C-alpha atoms as a PDB file:
ATOM      1  CA  MET A   1       4.131   5.383  -5.191  1.00  0.00           C
ATOM      2  CA  PHE A   2       0.475   5.905  -6.094  1.00  0.00           C
ATOM      3  CA  ALA A   3       0.344   2.173  -6.734  1.00  0.00           C
ATOM      4  CA  GLY A   4      -3.324   1.850  -7.670  1.00  0.00           C
ATOM      5  CA  ALA A   5      -3.178   4.570 -10.313  1.00  0.00           C
ATOM      6  CA  ALA A   6       0.120   3.247 -11.714  1.00  0.00           C
ATOM      7  CA  ARG A   7      -1.178  -0.321 -11.870  1.00  0.00           C
ATOM      8  CA  GLU A   8      -4.233   0.807 -13.801  1.00  0.00           C
ATOM      9  CA  ALA A   9      -2.679   3.365 -16.134  1.00  0.00           C
ATOM     10  CA  VAL A  10       0.972   2.324 -16.611  1.00  0.00           C
ATOM     11  CA  PHE A  11       1.502  -1.335 -15.825  1.00  0.00           C
ATOM     12  CA  SER A  12      -1.701  -2.602 -17.437  1.00  0.00           C
ATOM     13  CA  ASN A  13      -0.572  -1.576 -20.930  1.00  0.00           C
ATOM     14  CA  PRO A  14       0.340  -4.819 -22.800  1.00  0.00           C
ATOM     15  CA  ASP A  15       3.124  -3.071 -24.736  1.00  0.00           C
ATOM     16  CA  VAL A  16       4.637  -1.710 -21.511  1.00  0.00           C
ATOM     17  CA  ILE A  17       4.361  -5.106 -19.829  1.00  0.00           C
ATOM     18  CA  ALA A  18       6.090  -6.859 -22.736  1.00  0.00           C
ATOM     19  CA  ARG A  19       8.877  -4.279 -22.863  1.00  0.00           C
ATOM     20  CA  ILE A  20       9.569  -4.427 -19.126  1.00  0.00           C
ATOM     21  CA  GLU A  21       9.569  -8.230 -19.072  1.00  0.00           C
ATOM     22  CA  ARG A  22      11.993  -8.292 -22.004  1.00  0.00           C
ATOM     23  CA  GLU A  23      14.522  -5.641 -20.973  1.00  0.00           C
ATOM     24  CA  PHE A  24      14.060  -4.645 -17.325  1.00  0.00           C
ATOM     25  CA  ILE A  25      13.938  -6.133 -13.842  1.00  0.00           C
ATOM     26  CA  PRO A  26      10.787  -4.707 -12.194  1.00  0.00           C
ATOM     27  CA  VAL A  27      10.820  -4.138  -8.434  1.00  0.00           C
ATOM     28  CA  ALA A  28       7.983  -2.729  -6.320  1.00  0.00           C
ATOM     29  CA  LEU A  29       9.189  -0.862  -3.236  1.00  0.00           C
ATOM     30  CA  LYS A  30       7.518   0.119   0.005  1.00  0.00           C
ATOM     31  CA  ALA A  31       7.433   3.891   0.397  1.00  0.00           C
ATOM     32  CA  GLY A  32       8.213   3.496   4.087  1.00  0.00           C
ATOM     33  CA  MET A  33      11.520   1.807   3.277  1.00  0.00           C
ATOM     34  CA  VAL A  34      12.525   4.714   1.057  1.00  0.00           C
ATOM     35  CA  ARG A  35      11.610   7.230   3.771  1.00  0.00           C
ATOM     36  CA  ASN A  36      13.494   5.266   6.444  1.00  0.00           C
ATOM     37  CA  PRO A  37      16.269   3.256   4.772  1.00  0.00           C
ATOM     38  CA  PRO A  38      17.577   0.249   6.721  1.00  0.00           C
ATOM     39  CA  SER A  39      21.244  -0.601   7.166  1.00  0.00           C
ATOM     40  CA  GLY A  40      23.408  -2.600   4.782  1.00  0.00           C
ATOM     41  CA  VAL A  41      23.795  -2.556   1.018  1.00  0.00           C
ATOM     42  CA  GLU A  42      20.048  -2.633   0.402  1.00  0.00           C
ATOM     43  CA  GLY A  43      19.659   0.348   2.690  1.00  0.00           C
ATOM     44  CA  GLN A  44      22.248   2.207   0.613  1.00  0.00           C
ATOM     45  CA  LEU A  45      20.125   1.549  -2.448  1.00  0.00           C
ATOM     46  CA  TYR A  46      17.094   3.046  -0.689  1.00  0.00           C
ATOM     47  CA  GLN A  47      19.195   6.038   0.377  1.00  0.00           C
ATOM     48  CA  GLU A  48      20.101   6.726  -3.243  1.00  0.00           C
ATOM     49  CA  LEU A  49      16.447   6.583  -4.225  1.00  0.00           C
ATOM     50  CA  LYS A  50      15.573   8.985  -1.414  1.00  0.00           C
ATOM     51  CA  ARG A  51      18.405  11.367  -2.368  1.00  0.00           C
ATOM     52  CA  THR A  52      17.332  11.682  -5.981  1.00  0.00           C
ATOM     53  CA  GLN A  53      13.528  11.397  -5.931  1.00  0.00           C
ATOM     54  CA  PRO A  54      11.600  14.472  -7.146  1.00  0.00           C
ATOM     55  CA  VAL A  55       8.677  13.780  -4.779  1.00  0.00           C
ATOM     56  CA  PRO A  56       7.772  10.810  -2.549  1.00  0.00           C
ATOM     57  CA  GLN A  57       6.245   8.984  -5.540  1.00  0.00           C
ATOM     58  CA  GLY A  58       7.309   7.982  -9.011  1.00  0.00           C
ATOM     59  CA  ILE A  59       8.963   5.424 -11.256  1.00  0.00           C
ATOM     60  CA  CYS A  60      12.748   5.107 -11.084  1.00  0.00           C
ATOM     61  CA  THR A  61      15.269   3.248 -13.245  1.00  0.00           C
ATOM     62  CA  MET A  62      18.781   2.346 -12.077  1.00  0.00           C
ATOM     63  CA  ASN A  63      21.857   0.711 -13.588  1.00  0.00           C
ATOM     64  CA  SER A  64      23.729  -2.344 -12.327  1.00  0.00           C
ATOM     65  CA  SER A  65      25.778  -0.280  -9.847  1.00  0.00           C
ATOM     66  CA  GLY A  66      22.762   1.230  -8.137  1.00  0.00           C
ATOM     67  CA  LYS A  67      23.042   4.608  -9.872  1.00  0.00           C
ATOM     68  CA  VAL A  68      19.815   6.352 -10.825  1.00  0.00           C
ATOM     69  CA  LEU A  69      19.340   6.819 -14.560  1.00  0.00           C
ATOM     70  CA  ALA A  70      15.984   8.601 -14.484  1.00  0.00           C
ATOM     71  CA  TRP A  71      12.906   9.284 -12.386  1.00  0.00           C
ATOM     72  CA  SER A  72       9.487  10.185 -13.759  1.00  0.00           C
ATOM     73  CA  VAL A  73       6.426  11.035 -11.697  1.00  0.00           C
ATOM     74  CA  MET A  74       4.014  11.216 -14.648  1.00  0.00           C
ATOM     75  CA  PHE A  75       3.991  10.935 -18.428  1.00  0.00           C
ATOM     76  CA  ASP A  76       2.763  13.268 -21.143  1.00  0.00           C
ATOM     77  CA  SER A  77       0.769  10.487 -22.829  1.00  0.00           C
ATOM     78  CA  ASN A  78       0.482   6.700 -23.007  1.00  0.00           C
ATOM     79  CA  ASP A  79       3.080   6.706 -25.799  1.00  0.00           C
ATOM     80  CA  SER A  80       5.428   8.658 -23.523  1.00  0.00           C
ATOM     81  CA  VAL A  81       5.655   5.670 -21.172  1.00  0.00           C
ATOM     82  CA  LEU A  82       7.284   3.633 -23.933  1.00  0.00           C
ATOM     83  CA  GLY A  83       9.358   6.689 -24.827  1.00  0.00           C
ATOM     84  CA  PHE A  84      10.611   6.790 -21.243  1.00  0.00           C
ATOM     85  CA  LEU A  85      11.642   3.135 -21.453  1.00  0.00           C
ATOM     86  CA  ASP A  86      13.447   3.864 -24.731  1.00  0.00           C
ATOM     87  CA  HIS A  87      15.193   6.815 -23.107  1.00  0.00           C
ATOM     88  CA  VAL A  88      16.459   4.936 -20.057  1.00  0.00           C
ATOM     89  CA  ALA A  89      17.509   1.970 -22.222  1.00  0.00           C
ATOM     90  CA  ASP A  90      19.704   4.364 -24.206  1.00  0.00           C
ATOM     91  CA  ARG A  91      21.094   5.822 -20.986  1.00  0.00           C
ATOM     92  CA  PHE A  92      21.870   2.309 -19.735  1.00  0.00           C
ATOM     93  CA  GLU A  93      23.805   1.586 -22.930  1.00  0.00           C
ATOM     94  CA  GLU A  94      25.920   4.670 -22.190  1.00  0.00           C
ATOM     95  CA  THR A  95      26.364   4.094 -18.435  1.00  0.00           C
ATOM     96  CA  PRO A  96      25.611   0.477 -17.486  1.00  0.00           C
ATOM     97  CA  ASP A  97      27.798   0.609 -14.355  1.00  0.00           C
ATOM     98  CA  ALA A  98      29.986   2.944 -12.315  1.00  0.00           C
ATOM     99  CA  ALA A  99      32.782   3.250 -14.867  1.00  0.00           C
ATOM    100  CA  LYS A 100      31.878   6.892 -15.442  1.00  0.00           C
ATOM    101  CA  PRO A 101      29.719   9.454 -13.625  1.00  0.00           C
ATOM    102  CA  VAL A 102      25.938   9.193 -13.965  1.00  0.00           C
ATOM    103  CA  MET A 103      23.726  12.234 -13.497  1.00  0.00           C
ATOM    104  CA  ALA A 104      20.287  11.287 -12.198  1.00  0.00           C
ATOM    105  CA  GLU A 105      17.660  12.702 -14.537  1.00  0.00           C
ATOM    106  CA  ARG A 106      14.306  13.684 -13.049  1.00  0.00           C
ATOM    107  CA  PHE A 107      11.015  14.385 -14.782  1.00  0.00           C
ATOM    108  CA  MET A 108       7.823  15.596 -13.194  1.00  0.00           C
ATOM    109  CA  ARG A 109       6.093  14.635 -16.444  1.00  0.00           C
ATOM    110  CA  PHE A 110       8.131  12.884 -19.143  1.00  0.00           C
ATOM    111  CA  PRO A 111       9.299  14.313 -21.516  1.00  0.00           C
ATOM    112  CA  VAL A 112       7.791  17.811 -21.315  1.00  0.00           C
ATOM    113  CA  HIS A 113       8.529  18.772 -17.700  1.00  0.00           C
ATOM    114  CA  LYS A 114      12.151  18.096 -16.778  1.00  0.00           C
ATOM    115  CA  LEU A 115      13.603  19.014 -13.397  1.00  0.00           C
ATOM    116  CA  ASP A 116      17.238  19.652 -12.499  1.00  0.00           C
ATOM    117  CA  ASP A 117      19.513  16.610 -12.618  1.00  0.00           C
ATOM    118  CA  MET A 118      21.000  15.318  -9.396  1.00  0.00           C
ATOM    119  CA  PRO A 119      24.806  14.967  -9.266  1.00  0.00           C
ATOM    120  CA  ASN A 120      26.550  11.630  -9.510  1.00  0.00           C
ATOM    121  CA  ARG A 121      27.009   9.643  -6.308  1.00  0.00           C
ATOM    122  CA  GLU A 122      30.613   8.546  -5.985  1.00  0.00           C
ATOM    123  CA  GLY A 123      31.374   4.842  -5.856  1.00  0.00           C
ATOM    124  CA  GLU A 124      29.142   1.910  -6.596  1.00  0.00           C
ATOM    125  CA  LEU A 125      27.002  -0.499  -4.638  1.00  0.00           C
ATOM    126  CA  GLU A 126      28.525  -3.960  -4.592  1.00  0.00           C
ATOM    127  CA  PHE A 127      25.674  -6.412  -4.199  1.00  0.00           C
ATOM    128  CA  PRO A 128      26.750  -9.794  -2.789  1.00  0.00           C
ATOM    129  CA  LEU A 129      25.569 -12.914  -4.602  1.00  0.00           C
ATOM    130  CA  GLU A 130      23.609 -13.837  -1.496  1.00  0.00           C
ATOM    131  CA  HIS A 131      22.099 -11.324   0.882  1.00  0.00           C
ATOM    132  CA  GLU A 132      18.998 -10.893   2.983  1.00  0.00           C
ATOM    133  CA  CYS A 133      16.298  -9.077   1.038  1.00  0.00           C
ATOM    134  CA  LEU A 134      14.255  -6.694   3.152  1.00  0.00           C
ATOM    135  CA  GLY A 135      10.959  -7.226   1.384  1.00  0.00           C
ATOM    136  CA  ASP A 136       8.691  -5.940   4.145  1.00  0.00           C
ATOM    137  CA  LEU A 137       8.441  -2.832   6.235  1.00  0.00           C
ATOM    138  CA  PRO A 138      10.225  -3.004   9.581  1.00  0.00           C
ATOM    139  CA  ARG A 139       7.862  -4.022  12.335  1.00  0.00           C
ATOM    140  CA  PRO A 140       8.157  -4.333  16.101  1.00  0.00           C
ATOM    141  CA  LYS A 141       9.384  -7.603  17.515  1.00  0.00           C
ATOM    142  CA  GLY A 142       6.541 -10.011  18.263  1.00  0.00           C
ATOM    143  CA  SER A 143       4.059  -8.383  15.893  1.00  0.00           C
ATOM    144  CA  ILE A 144       2.019 -10.511  13.500  1.00  0.00           C
ATOM    145  CA  LEU A 145       2.120  -9.828   9.780  1.00  0.00           C
ATOM    146  CA  THR A 146      -1.405 -10.027   8.384  1.00  0.00           C
ATOM    147  CA  LYS A 147      -2.470 -10.117   4.736  1.00  0.00           C
ATOM    148  CA  VAL A 148      -5.754  -8.539   3.655  1.00  0.00           C
ATOM    149  CA  VAL A 149      -7.491  -9.054   0.301  1.00  0.00           C
ATOM    150  CA  GLY A 150     -10.607  -7.092  -0.653  1.00  0.00           C
ATOM    151  CA  ARG A 151     -12.971  -7.697  -3.586  1.00  0.00           C
ATOM    152  CA  ALA A 152     -15.980  -5.904  -5.015  1.00  0.00           C
ATOM    153  CA  LEU A 153     -18.842  -8.311  -5.763  1.00  0.00           C
ATOM    154  CA  ASP A 154     -21.351  -8.513  -8.600  1.00  0.00           C
ATOM    155  CA  ALA A 155     -25.139  -8.953  -8.265  1.00  0.00           C
ATOM    156  CA  ASN A 156     -24.640 -12.697  -7.703  1.00  0.00           C
ATOM    157  CA  GLY A 157     -22.094 -12.179  -4.940  1.00  0.00           C
ATOM    158  CA  LEU A 158     -19.130 -13.189  -7.106  1.00  0.00           C
ATOM    159  CA  PRO A 159     -15.892 -11.148  -7.291  1.00  0.00           C
ATOM    160  CA  LEU A 160     -15.734  -8.706 -10.192  1.00  0.00           C
ATOM    161  CA  SER A 161     -13.222  -9.891 -12.775  1.00  0.00           C
ATOM    162  CA  ASN A 162     -11.262  -6.698 -13.478  1.00  0.00           C
ATOM    163  CA  ALA A 163      -8.808  -6.979 -10.605  1.00  0.00           C
ATOM    164  CA  ARG A 164      -6.478  -4.243 -11.867  1.00  0.00           C
ATOM    165  CA  VAL A 165      -9.078  -1.591 -10.966  1.00  0.00           C
ATOM    166  CA  GLN A 166      -8.462  -0.355  -7.437  1.00  0.00           C
ATOM    167  CA  GLU A 167     -12.154  -0.140  -6.499  1.00  0.00           C
ATOM    168  CA  ASN A 168     -12.540  -3.812  -7.494  1.00  0.00           C
ATOM    169  CA  TYR A 169      -9.514  -5.350  -5.776  1.00  0.00           C
ATOM    170  CA  ILE A 170      -6.983  -4.537  -3.087  1.00  0.00           C
ATOM    171  CA  GLU A 171      -4.183  -6.531  -1.513  1.00  0.00           C
ATOM    172  CA  ASP A 172      -2.155  -5.253   1.417  1.00  0.00           C
ATOM    173  CA  ARG A 173      -0.392  -6.204   4.636  1.00  0.00           C
ATOM    174  CA  PHE A 174      -0.376  -4.795   8.133  1.00  0.00           C
ATOM    175  CA  SER A 175       1.058  -5.887  11.459  1.00  0.00           C
ATOM    176  CA  VAL A 176      -0.684  -6.507  14.772  1.00  0.00           C
ATOM    177  CA  PRO A 177       1.586  -5.245  17.599  1.00  0.00           C
ATOM    178  CA  LEU A 178       2.435  -7.576  20.472  1.00  0.00           C
ATOM    179  CA  SER A 179       0.827  -5.145  22.921  1.00  0.00           C
ATOM    180  CA  PHE A 180      -2.511  -5.476  21.077  1.00  0.00           C
ATOM    181  CA  GLN A 181      -2.228  -9.269  21.264  1.00  0.00           C
ATOM    182  CA  GLN A 182      -1.530  -9.163  24.994  1.00  0.00           C
ATOM    183  CA  THR A 183      -4.441  -6.791  25.667  1.00  0.00           C
ATOM    184  CA  LEU A 184      -6.780  -9.138  23.810  1.00  0.00           C
ATOM    185  CA  GLY A 185      -5.382 -12.121  25.724  1.00  0.00           C
ATOM    186  CA  ASP A 186      -5.916 -10.362  29.055  1.00  0.00           C
ATOM    187  CA  ALA A 187      -9.533  -9.597  28.097  1.00  0.00           C
ATOM    188  CA  ALA A 188     -10.097 -13.229  27.131  1.00  0.00           C
ATOM    189  CA  LYS A 189      -8.738 -14.515  30.448  1.00  0.00           C
ATOM    190  CA  ALA A 190     -10.814 -12.020  32.417  1.00  0.00           C
ATOM    191  CA  ALA A 191     -14.014 -13.029  30.585  1.00  0.00           C
ATOM    192  CA  GLY A 192     -13.588 -16.731  31.202  1.00  0.00           C
ATOM    193  CA  GLY A 193     -16.189 -18.447  29.028  1.00  0.00           C
ATOM    194  CA  ASP A 194     -18.365 -15.368  28.543  1.00  0.00           C
ATOM    195  CA  ALA A 195     -18.561 -13.195  25.438  1.00  0.00           C
ATOM    196  CA  PHE A 196     -16.566  -9.970  25.650  1.00  0.00           C
ATOM    197  CA  ARG A 197     -15.900  -6.890  23.532  1.00  0.00           C
ATOM    198  CA  ILE A 198     -12.628  -6.943  21.633  1.00  0.00           C
ATOM    199  CA  PRO A 199     -10.448  -4.049  22.882  1.00  0.00           C
ATOM    200  CA  ASN A 200     -11.084  -0.950  20.797  1.00  0.00           C
ATOM    201  CA  ALA A 201      -7.530  -0.496  19.505  1.00  0.00           C
ATOM    202  CA  PHE A 202      -7.412  -4.083  18.199  1.00  0.00           C
ATOM    203  CA  ALA A 203     -10.857  -3.841  16.583  1.00  0.00           C
ATOM    204  CA  ARG A 204     -10.072  -0.487  15.025  1.00  0.00           C
ATOM    205  CA  LEU A 205      -6.831  -1.836  13.528  1.00  0.00           C
ATOM    206  CA  LEU A 206      -8.748  -4.580  11.730  1.00  0.00           C
ATOM    207  CA  VAL A 207     -11.477  -2.272  10.439  1.00  0.00           C
ATOM    208  CA  GLN A 208      -9.156   0.474   9.226  1.00  0.00           C
ATOM    209  CA  ASN A 209      -7.402  -1.979   6.914  1.00  0.00           C
ATOM    210  CA  ALA A 210     -10.585  -3.219   5.193  1.00  0.00           C
ATOM    211  CA  TYR A 211     -11.306  -0.782   2.358  1.00  0.00           C
ATOM    212  CA  LEU A 212     -11.069  -0.491  -1.418  1.00  0.00           C
ATOM    213  CA  GLY A 213      -9.355   2.283  -3.344  1.00  0.00           C
ATOM    214  CA  MET A 214      -6.054   4.077  -2.848  1.00  0.00           C
ATOM    215  CA  LEU A 215      -4.290   4.462   0.509  1.00  0.00           C
ATOM    216  CA  ASP A 216      -5.490   8.043   0.899  1.00  0.00           C
ATOM    217  CA  VAL A 217      -9.146   7.066   1.411  1.00  0.00           C
ATOM    218  CA  MET A 218      -8.647   5.073   4.615  1.00  0.00           C
ATOM    219  CA  PRO A 219     -12.059   5.550   6.283  1.00  0.00           C
ATOM    220  CA  ILE A 220     -10.790   5.981   9.832  1.00  0.00           C
ATOM    221  CA  GLY A 221      -7.291   7.248   9.202  1.00  0.00           C
ATOM    222  CA  ASP A 222      -7.883  10.671  10.805  1.00  0.00           C
ATOM    223  CA  ALA A 223      -4.558  12.508  11.104  1.00  0.00           C
ATOM    224  CA  LEU A 224      -2.758   9.756   9.177  1.00  0.00           C
ATOM    225  CA  ILE A 225      -4.407  10.890   5.943  1.00  0.00           C
ATOM    226  CA  ARG A 226      -5.470  14.348   7.158  1.00  0.00           C
ATOM    227  CA  ALA A 227      -9.161  13.638   6.589  1.00  0.00           C
ATOM    228  CA  LYS A 228     -12.233  13.750   8.805  1.00  0.00           C
ATOM    229  CA  THR A 229     -13.757  10.580  10.229  1.00  0.00           C
ATOM    230  CA  THR A 230     -17.510  11.125  10.501  1.00  0.00           C
ATOM    231  CA  LYS A 231     -18.527   7.718  11.844  1.00  0.00           C
ATOM    232  CA  ALA A 232     -16.656   4.901  13.566  1.00  0.00           C
ATOM    233  CA  ASP A 233     -19.203   2.469  15.029  1.00  0.00           C
ATOM    234  CA  ILE A 234     -17.176  -0.697  15.659  1.00  0.00           C
ATOM    235  CA  VAL A 235     -18.497  -3.534  17.814  1.00  0.00           C
ATOM    236  CA  LEU A 236     -16.548  -6.785  17.630  1.00  0.00           C
ATOM    237  CA  TRP A 237     -17.154  -9.589  20.110  1.00  0.00           C
ATOM    238  CA  ALA A 238     -15.162 -12.677  21.105  1.00  0.00           C
ATOM    239  CA  ARG A 239     -15.751 -15.863  23.056  1.00  0.00           C
ATOM    240  CA  ARG A 240     -13.358 -18.623  23.997  1.00  0.00           C
ATOM    241  CA  THR A 241     -14.044 -21.899  22.168  1.00  0.00           C
ATOM    242  CA  GLY A 242     -11.074 -23.767  23.628  1.00  0.00           C
ATOM    243  CA  GLU A 243      -8.052 -23.263  25.809  1.00  0.00           C
ATOM    244  CA  THR A 244      -6.281 -21.200  23.154  1.00  0.00           C
ATOM    245  CA  GLN A 245      -9.018 -20.344  20.616  1.00  0.00           C
ATOM    246  CA  LEU A 246     -11.391 -17.398  20.234  1.00  0.00           C
ATOM    247  CA  GLN A 247     -14.430 -17.076  18.007  1.00  0.00           C
ATOM    248  CA  ILE A 248     -14.938 -13.522  16.663  1.00  0.00           C
ATOM    249  CA  TRP A 249     -18.070 -11.796  15.324  1.00  0.00           C
ATOM    250  CA  GLY A 250     -19.501  -8.303  15.075  1.00  0.00           C
ATOM    251  CA  THR A 251     -20.156  -5.275  12.884  1.00  0.00           C
ATOM    252  CA  SER A 252     -18.464  -2.098  11.743  1.00  0.00           C
ATOM    253  CA  ASP A 253     -19.935   1.035  10.185  1.00  0.00           C
ATOM    254  CA  VAL A 254     -17.347   3.684   9.297  1.00  0.00           C
ATOM    255  CA  SER A 255     -17.287   6.852   7.194  1.00  0.00           C
ATOM    256  CA  ALA A 256     -14.814   9.577   6.304  1.00  0.00           C
ATOM    257  CA  HIS A 257     -14.535  12.438   3.858  1.00  0.00           C
ATOM    258  CA  GLN A 258     -12.285  15.245   2.707  1.00  0.00           C
ATOM    259  CA  ASP A 259     -13.942  18.285   1.208  1.00  0.00           C
ATOM    260  CA  GLU A 260     -11.465  21.033   2.080  1.00  0.00           C
ATOM    261  CA  ARG A 261     -10.040  21.474  -1.382  1.00  0.00           C
ATOM    262  CA  GLY A 262      -6.349  22.168  -1.424  1.00  0.00           C
ATOM    263  CA  SER A 263      -5.700  20.963   2.134  1.00  0.00           C
ATOM    264  CA  ARG A 264      -3.084  18.573   0.720  1.00  0.00           C
ATOM    265  CA  GLY A 265      -2.157  20.693  -2.266  1.00  0.00           C
ATOM    266  CA  ASP A 266      -4.025  18.579  -4.831  1.00  0.00           C
ATOM    267  CA  SER A 267      -7.664  19.712  -4.440  1.00  0.00           C
ATOM    268  CA  ARG A 268      -8.884  16.204  -3.711  1.00  0.00           C
ATOM    269  CA  ILE A 269     -12.527  15.688  -2.749  1.00  0.00           C
ATOM    270  CA  TRP A 270     -13.739  12.292  -1.544  1.00  0.00           C
ATOM    271  CA  GLU A 271     -16.270  10.394   0.562  1.00  0.00           C
ATOM    272  CA  HIS A 272     -16.032   6.823   1.821  1.00  0.00           C
ATOM    273  CA  ASP A 273     -18.618   4.712   3.695  1.00  0.00           C
ATOM    274  CA  ILE A 274     -18.210   1.027   4.624  1.00  0.00           C
ATOM    275  CA  THR A 275     -20.584  -1.266   6.541  1.00  0.00           C
ATOM    276  CA  LEU A 276     -19.360  -4.801   7.287  1.00  0.00           C
ATOM    277  CA  GLU A 277     -20.326  -7.918   9.229  1.00  0.00           C
ATOM    278  CA  TRP A 278     -17.324  -9.752  10.662  1.00  0.00           C
ATOM    279  CA  GLN A 279     -16.601 -13.397  11.490  1.00  0.00           C
ATOM    280  CA  GLY A 280     -13.301 -14.902  12.417  1.00  0.00           C
ATOM    281  CA  ALA A 281     -11.070 -16.916  14.691  1.00  0.00           C
ATOM    282  CA  ILE A 282      -7.925 -16.253  16.687  1.00  0.00           C
ATOM    283  CA  GLU A 283      -5.553 -18.809  18.149  1.00  0.00           C
ATOM    284  CA  PHE A 284      -2.978 -18.074  20.831  1.00  0.00           C
ATOM    285  CA  ASN A 285       0.368 -19.791  21.209  1.00  0.00           C
ATOM    286  CA  ASP A 286      -0.648 -21.272  24.571  1.00  0.00           C
ATOM    287  CA  ASP A 287      -3.297 -20.993  27.276  1.00  0.00           C
ATOM    288  CA  ASP A 288      -1.439 -18.027  28.798  1.00  0.00           C
ATOM    289  CA  HIS A 289      -2.783 -15.942  25.870  1.00  0.00           C
ATOM    290  CA  SER A 290       0.411 -13.894  25.685  1.00  0.00           C
ATOM    291  CA  ALA A 291       0.817 -13.978  21.890  1.00  0.00           C
ATOM    292  CA  ILE A 292      -1.301 -14.871  18.872  1.00  0.00           C
ATOM    293  CA  SER A 293      -0.165 -17.679  16.586  1.00  0.00           C
ATOM    294  CA  LYS A 294      -2.899 -17.414  13.949  1.00  0.00           C
ATOM    295  CA  LEU A 295      -5.800 -15.175  12.992  1.00  0.00           C
ATOM    296  CA  THR A 296      -8.391 -15.414  10.218  1.00  0.00           C
ATOM    297  CA  PHE A 297     -11.229 -13.008   9.404  1.00  0.00           C
ATOM    298  CA  ILE A 298     -13.939 -12.622   6.778  1.00  0.00           C
ATOM    299  CA  ALA A 299     -15.956  -9.405   6.496  1.00  0.00           C
ATOM    300  CA  VAL A 300     -18.890  -8.951   4.090  1.00  0.00           C
ATOM    301  CA  GLY A 301     -21.022  -5.875   3.467  1.00  0.00           C
ATOM    302  CA  SER A 302     -21.409  -2.765   1.349  1.00  0.00           C
ATOM    303  CA  GLU A 303     -19.144   0.117   0.406  1.00  0.00           C
ATOM    304  CA  ARG A 304     -19.464   3.502  -1.266  1.00  0.00           C
ATOM    305  CA  LEU A 305     -16.441   5.450  -2.517  1.00  0.00           C
ATOM    306  CA  SER A 306     -16.502   8.745  -4.381  1.00  0.00           C
ATOM    307  CA  TRP A 307     -13.219  10.368  -5.435  1.00  0.00           C
ATOM    308  CA  ASN A 308     -12.430  13.269  -7.703  1.00  0.00           C
ATOM    309  CA  ARG A 309      -9.944  16.061  -7.835  1.00  0.00           C
ATOM    310  CA  GLY A 310     -12.378  18.901  -8.258  1.00  0.00           C
ATOM    311  CA  SER A 311     -13.137  21.208 -11.161  1.00  0.00           C
ATOM    312  CA  ASP A 312      -9.521  22.323 -11.629  1.00  0.00           C
ATOM    313  CA  GLN A 313      -8.451  19.009 -13.180  1.00  0.00           C
ATOM    314  CA  GLU A 314      -7.394  19.513 -16.790  1.00  0.00           C
ATOM    315  CA  ASP A 315      -9.815  18.197 -19.407  1.00  0.00           C
ATOM    316  CA  GLY A 316      -8.563  15.579 -21.830  1.00  0.00           C
ATOM    317  CA  LEU A 317      -5.580  14.393 -19.786  1.00  0.00           C
ATOM    318  CA  GLN A 318      -4.769  10.720 -20.112  1.00  0.00           C
ATOM    319  CA  ASN A 319      -4.519   8.892 -16.801  1.00  0.00           C
ATOM    320  CA  VAL A 320      -0.722   8.591 -17.027  1.00  0.00           C
ATOM    321  CA  ALA A 321      -0.476  12.400 -17.155  1.00  0.00           C
ATOM    322  CA  ASP A 322      -2.061  12.931 -13.738  1.00  0.00           C
ATOM    323  CA  LEU A 323      -1.141   9.886 -11.683  1.00  0.00           C
ATOM    324  CA  PRO A 324      -1.002  11.540  -8.212  1.00  0.00           C
ATOM    325  CA  ALA A 325      -4.573  12.817  -8.651  1.00  0.00           C
ATOM    326  CA  GLY A 326      -5.809   9.488  -9.951  1.00  0.00           C
ATOM    327  CA  ARG A 327      -8.980   9.119 -11.989  1.00  0.00           C
ATOM    328  CA  ARG A 328     -12.532   9.771 -10.900  1.00  0.00           C
ATOM    329  CA  ILE A 329     -14.096   6.929  -8.894  1.00  0.00           C
ATOM    330  CA  ASP A 330     -17.807   6.473  -8.173  1.00  0.00           C
ATOM    331  CA  PHE A 331     -18.275   3.040  -6.629  1.00  0.00           C
ATOM    332  CA  GLN A 332     -21.200   1.637  -4.689  1.00  0.00           C
ATOM    333  CA  GLY A 333     -21.753  -2.063  -4.166  1.00  0.00           C
ATOM    334  CA  LYS A 334     -21.217  -5.245  -2.200  1.00  0.00           C
ATOM    335  CA  VAL A 335     -17.751  -6.149  -0.945  1.00  0.00           C
ATOM    336  CA  ARG A 336     -15.907  -8.952   0.818  1.00  0.00           C
ATOM    337  CA  TYR A 337     -12.617  -8.902   2.726  1.00  0.00           C
ATOM    338  CA  GLY A 338     -10.388 -11.688   3.953  1.00  0.00           C
ATOM    339  CA  MET A 339      -7.562 -11.425   6.471  1.00  0.00           C
ATOM    340  CA  MET A 340      -5.047 -14.075   7.442  1.00  0.00           C
ATOM    341  CA  SER A 341      -1.846 -14.029   9.457  1.00  0.00           C
ATOM    342  CA  GLU A 342       1.363 -14.861   7.620  1.00  0.00           C
ATOM    343  CA  THR A 343       4.444 -16.677   8.806  1.00  0.00           C
ATOM    344  CA  GLY A 344       6.905 -14.819   6.594  1.00  0.00           C
ATOM    345  CA  GLU A 345       9.757 -13.040   8.305  1.00  0.00           C
ATOM    346  CA  ALA A 346       9.969  -9.241   8.311  1.00  0.00           C
ATOM    347  CA  TYR A 347      13.011  -7.471   9.583  1.00  0.00           C
ATOM    348  CA  GLU A 348      12.401  -6.449  13.156  1.00  0.00           C
ATOM    349  CA  LEU A 349      12.879  -3.312  15.193  1.00  0.00           C
ATOM    350  CA  ASN A 350      14.321  -4.109  18.593  1.00  0.00           C
END
């Protein structure tokens, strides 16, 4: 869902946190897994979420048999979040399993805007005591899972403390395809000991994952986020420092904006500019440079992000009442990003 807005407005409330920890089992899901459910019992769970969801975002509660009790995209007020938890707790008391039919309730904004219920799904999901949990998005075989953490910095160059705010802190993952690794390896072998430009696709992949804010403000996402990239000056260099190692350095200066109100149905207006200096290292599995075993990057610079939904946003709404639009953001300051490859397994596409 709109994870940044939900983290700030819903799951930062101490009363909500205490209630969820006491009575619920919280699970954060990748939207891509809901859109494209995998096979197996976990895939069936995703299919049920996809079948019943009002829109491709929201908060869902389910019972022990994998039946949806209620969805809500937004909430009428901060108090309504706790009211929603009360409501689904009562529904769970009535239908804790598959012993009787469960209609999936759906709210666009709880409790004032209720949508039609979805009919009961026959049967129940029988979860084995031990099963493989598909915690990551499917990725092509041979790709490298890479974690990125971004922080806004204060005047002394230290990370700002309020990490729940999406313009202060981001944490995400992306994968580097095997073909990108092989293209980089070929360039390294061709250059010998000389410095060479990192192939554009590889460099662009790194840069497009270094940004603060919600997913929709990716500065060089182009068609992916249906916005306009206005600048994409990316120059990353590499030089071999050993048989299997590369030293990386360079700069990136990227900008994007969306000012065509209503182009995505929500009247969003935003601008995003990021200038970074990059340093890093890459290590290949062997001197054939056919696959990367480890990568590490640090990027430091400045960033400016402006986001608002335009003049049609209702005055006086609490943040929980307009989660898809998010709140206004006007950020300008110093930033730092770190990227590191991970060894964790993701389920692979053959």
